[in-house]
Amino acid sequence: MGRNLTAWLFLAPALVLLAVFSFWPVAFGSLLAFTDYSLIRETHWVGLDNFRYIFDNEMFTTGLKNSLLFLLMVPFVQIGALSLAVLVNNKLPGIRYFRAAFYVPVVTTVSVVGIMWGFMFHEQGTLNYVLQTLQLVNTPVGWLSNDTIALFAIMFVTLWRGLGWYMVMYLAALQAVPADMQEAAILDGANRWQRFWKITVPMLRPTIMICSVLSVLAALKAYQEVDVLTQGGPMNSTFTGLYYAYDQGLKHLKLPRALAASFVVSIFCVGIALLCLRYIKPKHR
């Protein structure tokens, strides 16, 4: 009993902060999504009216579809991060500098990333210059001004920023794989590819599960890159579910609609995260 009490006393400050700044705002915001809340007039219960409005609004449905499209990025992020982790796990001269270089985008602020990639994606920018020099395109490509490809350009930036973070997680997991298992497999005649699939990947399943869930949540909550690079344009083609909530709540001060949109995105986050936990969970040994 005393040990449990001591543990709860240590947890109490963090739990209080979570209750005040996380649990209560989420609960109160979810409740306000069913009202016509305003700072200047009396609040009334409106039921599902806000949800009917956003689902009848093309900007939100487009944003929700784009948020789901962001999920296409998840396998590329995970495969790319795992490949980088395997690459930098080798003991080579200067490998620490490569690890740091791959991690730099993670610690770079979104505003700086947006400015850099804005120059890269500009019609007269670096990317089009290289493509035209190599004669791969005849005219400049409007990476951020073409409503067909702008979303995919933002997805690429998000992928570029996320690789280093997941690479570090996979690298830590790779270095925790027992060396004696690898040595035993070598003695049994297993080649590098067989050792990777039969030993390394099964040992990495918990990390794969965590990284998959985190990348799914990050994809569904995509907002910052959109705000910095396109502000939802061109022609609202890069709106995401969360950016719609920001647009309604802070730009148009329609707080109940913004909260309803956030509520729907949260439901999708929880649902898809549960699917990941169900199908990627590690096997018990």
Protein backbone atom coordinates (compact mmCIF):
# COMPACT_ATOMS: atom_id res chain seq x y z
CA MET A 1 0.00 0.00 0.00
CA GLY A 2 2.78 2.41 0.92
CA ARG A 3 4.66 1.74 -2.31
CA ASN A 4 1.50 2.38 -4.36
CA LEU A 5 0.88 5.62 -2.50
CA THR A 6 4.46 6.75 -3.14
CA ALA A 7 4.07 5.99 -6.85
CA TRP A 8 0.81 7.95 -7.06
CA LEU A 9 2.39 10.90 -5.23
CA PHE A 10 5.19 11.01 -7.82
CA LEU A 11 2.62 10.80 -10.64
CA ALA A 12 0.30 13.40 -9.13
CA PRO A 13 1.97 16.58 -10.55
CA ALA A 14 2.02 15.16 -14.09
CA LEU A 15 -1.56 13.89 -13.78
CA VAL A 16 -2.75 17.30 -12.57
CA LEU A 17 -1.07 19.01 -15.52
CA LEU A 18 -2.57 16.48 -17.93
CA ALA A 19 -6.02 16.93 -16.38
CA VAL A 20 -5.88 20.73 -16.60
CA PHE A 21 -4.21 21.15 -19.98
CA SER A 22 -5.22 17.98 -21.86
CA PHE A 23 -8.15 15.97 -20.49
CA TRP A 24 -10.38 18.90 -19.51
CA PRO A 25 -9.87 20.92 -22.75
CA VAL A 26 -10.58 17.79 -24.84
CA ALA A 27 -13.74 16.97 -22.87
CA PHE A 28 -14.98 20.57 -22.79
CA GLY A 29 -14.18 21.13 -26.48
CA SER A 30 -15.99 17.94 -27.44
CA LEU A 31 -19.03 19.16 -25.52
CA LEU A 32 -18.95 22.59 -27.21
CA ALA A 33 -18.99 20.89 -30.63
CA PHE A 34 -22.69 20.18 -29.95
CA THR A 35 -23.52 23.82 -29.12
CA ASP A 36 -23.57 27.23 -30.84
CA TYR A 37 -20.91 28.54 -28.48
CA SER A 38 -19.91 32.17 -28.90
CA LEU A 39 -17.89 34.58 -26.81
CA ILE A 40 -20.53 37.31 -27.06
CA ARG A 41 -23.89 35.51 -26.76
CA GLU A 42 -25.62 32.83 -24.76
CA THR A 43 -24.73 29.25 -25.64
CA HIS A 44 -27.45 26.81 -26.74
CA TRP A 45 -27.44 23.07 -27.37
CA VAL A 46 -27.77 22.41 -31.13
CA GLY A 47 -27.09 18.67 -31.23
CA LEU A 48 -25.59 17.47 -34.50
CA ASP A 49 -26.15 20.72 -36.44
CA ASN A 50 -22.43 21.56 -36.56
CA PHE A 51 -21.59 18.07 -37.82
CA ARG A 52 -24.29 18.29 -40.50
CA TYR A 53 -22.85 21.64 -41.59
CA ILE A 54 -19.27 20.45 -41.94
CA PHE A 55 -20.22 17.27 -43.79
CA ASP A 56 -22.32 19.36 -46.20
CA ASN A 57 -19.34 21.67 -46.69
CA GLU A 58 -17.12 20.72 -49.63
CA MET A 59 -14.03 22.23 -48.01
CA PHE A 60 -14.29 19.86 -45.03
CA THR A 61 -15.03 16.74 -47.07
CA THR A 62 -12.09 17.62 -49.33
CA GLY A 63 -9.92 18.16 -46.25
CA LEU A 64 -10.97 14.83 -44.77
CA LYS A 65 -10.19 13.03 -48.04
CA ASN A 66 -6.79 14.76 -48.16
CA SER A 67 -6.08 13.73 -44.56
CA LEU A 68 -6.81 10.13 -45.53
CA LEU A 69 -4.64 10.52 -48.63
CA PHE A 70 -1.79 11.48 -46.30
CA LEU A 71 -1.93 7.91 -45.03
CA LEU A 72 -0.36 6.83 -48.33
CA MET A 73 2.82 8.40 -46.99
CA VAL A 74 2.99 6.10 -43.95
CA PRO A 75 4.48 2.97 -45.66
CA PHE A 76 7.08 5.10 -47.45
CA VAL A 77 8.08 6.80 -44.19
CA GLN A 78 8.41 3.51 -42.35
CA ILE A 79 10.28 1.66 -45.11
CA GLY A 80 12.54 4.65 -45.71
CA ALA A 81 13.26 5.14 -42.00
CA LEU A 82 14.01 1.45 -41.47
CA SER A 83 16.30 1.41 -44.52
CA LEU A 84 18.18 4.45 -43.24
CA ALA A 85 18.47 2.88 -39.79
CA VAL A 86 19.97 -0.29 -41.28
CA LEU A 87 22.35 1.86 -43.33
CA VAL A 88 23.62 4.02 -40.45
CA ASN A 89 23.81 1.03 -38.07
CA ASN A 90 27.05 0.02 -39.77
CA LYS A 91 30.31 0.93 -38.07
CA LEU A 92 31.88 3.08 -40.74
CA PRO A 93 34.14 6.14 -40.53
CA GLY A 94 32.09 9.32 -40.10
CA ILE A 95 28.78 7.46 -39.69
CA ARG A 96 27.83 9.74 -36.78
CA TYR A 97 27.80 12.71 -39.14
CA PHE A 98 25.43 10.88 -41.48
CA ARG A 99 23.13 10.11 -38.55
CA ALA A 100 23.14 13.77 -37.54
CA ALA A 101 22.52 14.90 -41.13
CA PHE A 102 19.46 12.64 -41.44
CA TYR A 103 18.13 13.94 -38.11
CA VAL A 104 18.58 17.66 -38.86
CA PRO A 105 15.15 18.04 -40.58
CA VAL A 106 13.46 16.80 -37.41
CA VAL A 107 14.86 19.61 -35.26
CA THR A 108 14.43 22.28 -37.94
CA THR A 109 11.38 24.49 -37.37
CA VAL A 110 8.48 24.19 -39.78
CA SER A 111 8.76 27.84 -40.79
CA VAL A 112 12.37 27.35 -41.92
CA VAL A 113 11.44 24.12 -43.71
CA GLY A 114 8.54 25.90 -45.41
CA ILE A 115 10.71 28.76 -46.63
CA MET A 116 13.38 26.36 -47.91
CA TRP A 117 10.96 24.09 -49.75
CA GLY A 118 9.01 27.10 -50.98
CA PHE A 119 12.16 28.19 -52.81
CA MET A 120 12.75 24.64 -53.99
CA PHE A 121 9.21 24.21 -55.32
CA HIS A 122 8.92 27.67 -56.88
CA GLU A 123 8.40 27.66 -60.65
CA GLN A 124 11.77 29.40 -60.99
CA GLY A 125 13.24 27.47 -58.09
CA THR A 126 15.99 24.91 -57.68
CA LEU A 127 13.95 21.80 -58.43
CA ASN A 128 12.61 23.06 -61.76
CA TYR A 129 16.06 24.36 -62.69
CA VAL A 130 17.59 20.91 -62.14
CA LEU A 131 14.79 19.16 -64.04
CA GLN A 132 15.07 21.56 -66.98
CA THR A 133 18.85 21.32 -67.01
CA LEU A 134 18.56 17.53 -67.21
CA GLN A 135 15.90 18.03 -69.90
CA LEU A 136 13.38 16.01 -67.91
CA VAL A 137 10.74 18.74 -68.30
CA ASN A 138 10.30 21.43 -70.95
CA THR A 139 8.39 23.98 -68.89
CA PRO A 140 8.52 24.76 -65.16
CA VAL A 141 6.25 22.61 -63.02
CA GLY A 142 3.93 24.42 -60.61
CA TRP A 143 4.58 22.17 -57.64
CA LEU A 144 2.56 24.33 -55.24
CA SER A 145 0.34 26.15 -57.74
CA ASN A 146 -1.06 23.11 -59.53
CA ASP A 147 -4.09 21.78 -57.66
CA THR A 148 -3.37 18.25 -58.91
CA ILE A 149 0.12 17.85 -57.44
CA ALA A 150 0.32 20.45 -54.65
CA LEU A 151 -0.90 18.01 -52.00
CA PHE A 152 1.67 15.40 -53.02
CA ALA A 153 4.43 18.03 -52.83
CA ILE A 154 3.39 18.77 -49.24
CA MET A 155 3.27 15.06 -48.49
CA PHE A 156 6.86 14.76 -49.72
CA VAL A 157 7.97 17.55 -47.36
CA THR A 158 6.21 15.81 -44.47
CA LEU A 159 7.94 12.54 -45.39
CA TRP A 160 11.31 14.30 -45.59
CA ARG A 161 10.83 15.80 -42.12
CA GLY A 162 9.69 12.55 -40.52
CA LEU A 163 12.35 10.14 -41.78
CA GLY A 164 15.01 11.15 -39.27
CA TRP A 165 12.72 10.81 -36.26
CA TYR A 166 11.64 7.26 -37.07
CA MET A 167 15.17 6.39 -38.19
CA VAL A 168 16.44 7.09 -34.67
CA MET A 169 13.73 4.90 -33.15
CA TYR A 170 14.54 2.03 -35.50
CA LEU A 171 18.26 2.51 -34.94
CA ALA A 172 17.81 2.16 -31.18
CA ALA A 173 15.77 -1.01 -31.74
CA LEU A 174 18.35 -2.45 -34.14
CA GLN A 175 21.14 -1.93 -31.63
CA ALA A 176 19.07 -3.78 -29.01
CA VAL A 177 18.86 -6.96 -31.13
CA PRO A 178 21.02 -9.57 -29.33
CA ALA A 179 24.26 -10.18 -31.23
CA ASP A 180 24.31 -13.86 -30.24
CA MET A 181 21.13 -14.50 -32.24
CA GLN A 182 22.79 -13.07 -35.36
CA GLU A 183 25.92 -15.13 -34.71
CA ALA A 184 23.89 -18.31 -34.26
CA ALA A 185 22.07 -17.67 -37.53
CA ILE A 186 25.38 -17.14 -39.33
CA LEU A 187 26.64 -20.46 -38.00
CA ASP A 188 23.44 -22.10 -39.29
CA GLY A 189 24.23 -20.74 -42.77
CA ALA A 190 21.64 -17.96 -42.95
CA ASN A 191 22.54 -15.15 -45.34
CA ARG A 192 22.11 -11.44 -44.59
CA TRP A 193 18.62 -11.25 -46.13
CA GLN A 194 17.38 -14.30 -44.21
CA ARG A 195 18.78 -12.93 -40.95
CA PHE A 196 17.01 -9.64 -41.56
CA TRP A 197 13.57 -11.21 -42.22
CA LYS A 198 13.75 -14.07 -39.74
CA ILE A 199 15.48 -12.36 -36.82
CA THR A 200 15.66 -8.57 -37.16
CA VAL A 201 12.11 -7.84 -38.36
CA PRO A 202 10.38 -10.03 -35.71
CA MET A 203 12.50 -8.38 -33.02
CA LEU A 204 11.50 -4.96 -34.36
CA ARG A 205 7.74 -5.61 -34.35
CA PRO A 206 7.07 -3.54 -31.18
CA THR A 207 9.00 -0.60 -32.66
CA ILE A 208 7.28 -1.04 -36.03
CA MET A 209 3.93 -0.92 -34.25
CA ILE A 210 4.77 2.25 -32.32
CA CYS A 211 6.26 4.02 -35.34
CA SER A 212 3.30 3.03 -37.53
CA VAL A 213 0.78 4.38 -35.03
CA LEU A 214 2.74 7.62 -34.56
CA SER A 215 3.11 8.16 -38.32
CA VAL A 216 -0.60 7.46 -38.89
CA LEU A 217 -1.53 10.05 -36.27
CA ALA A 218 0.94 12.55 -37.72
CA ALA A 219 -0.48 12.02 -41.22
CA LEU A 220 -4.08 12.54 -40.12
CA LYS A 221 -3.11 15.63 -38.13
CA ALA A 222 -1.15 17.25 -40.98
CA TYR A 223 -1.45 21.01 -40.61
CA GLN A 224 1.81 22.90 -40.21
CA GLU A 225 3.27 22.20 -43.66
CA VAL A 226 -0.04 23.15 -45.29
CA ASP A 227 -0.20 26.43 -43.39
CA VAL A 228 3.38 27.41 -44.25
CA LEU A 229 3.46 26.31 -47.90
CA THR A 230 -0.01 26.76 -49.40
CA GLN A 231 -2.52 27.96 -46.78
CA GLY A 232 -4.94 25.40 -48.19
CA GLY A 233 -4.60 26.47 -51.84
CA PRO A 234 -4.62 26.33 -54.75
CA MET A 235 -8.43 26.13 -55.02
CA ASN A 236 -8.63 24.55 -51.54
CA SER A 237 -6.91 21.45 -52.93
CA THR A 238 -4.50 21.11 -49.99
CA PHE A 239 -7.02 21.57 -47.20
CA THR A 240 -6.76 18.85 -44.57
CA GLY A 241 -9.26 18.05 -41.85
CA LEU A 242 -7.20 19.77 -39.17
CA TYR A 243 -6.44 22.79 -41.37
CA TYR A 244 -10.18 23.21 -41.94
CA ALA A 245 -10.63 23.29 -38.15
CA TYR A 246 -7.96 26.00 -37.90
CA ASP A 247 -9.55 27.95 -40.76
CA GLN A 248 -13.00 27.87 -39.18
CA GLY A 249 -11.87 28.46 -35.61
CA LEU A 250 -9.15 31.10 -35.85
CA LYS A 251 -9.80 32.76 -39.20
CA HIS A 252 -13.60 32.83 -39.20
CA LEU A 253 -14.18 32.46 -35.44
CA LYS A 254 -16.69 29.65 -35.99
CA LEU A 255 -15.51 27.77 -32.93
CA PRO A 256 -18.26 25.10 -32.74
CA ARG A 257 -17.67 24.11 -36.38
CA ALA A 258 -13.93 23.98 -35.76
CA LEU A 259 -14.46 21.80 -32.70
CA ALA A 260 -16.81 19.51 -34.65
CA ALA A 261 -14.17 19.11 -37.37
CA SER A 262 -11.50 18.39 -34.75
CA PHE A 263 -13.82 15.84 -33.11
CA VAL A 264 -14.30 13.99 -36.42
CA VAL A 265 -10.55 13.98 -37.13
CA SER A 266 -9.93 12.66 -33.61
CA ILE A 267 -12.39 9.81 -34.19
CA PHE A 268 -10.52 8.86 -37.37
CA CYS A 269 -7.21 9.03 -35.49
CA VAL A 270 -8.43 6.72 -32.73
CA GLY A 271 -10.08 4.29 -35.17
CA ILE A 272 -7.10 3.90 -37.48
CA ALA A 273 -4.65 3.76 -34.55
CA LEU A 274 -6.68 0.89 -33.08
CA LEU A 275 -6.53 -0.93 -36.42
CA CYS A 276 -2.75 -0.52 -36.43
CA LEU A 277 -2.54 -1.84 -32.87
CA ARG A 278 -4.70 -4.82 -33.82
CA TYR A 279 -2.85 -5.90 -36.95
CA ILE A 280 0.75 -4.87 -36.23
CA LYS A 281 0.93 -5.85 -32.57
CA PRO A 282 3.98 -7.95 -31.60
CA LYS A 283 3.49 -11.65 -31.08
CA HIS A 284 3.87 -12.91 -27.55
CA ARG A 285 6.76 -15.26 -26.98
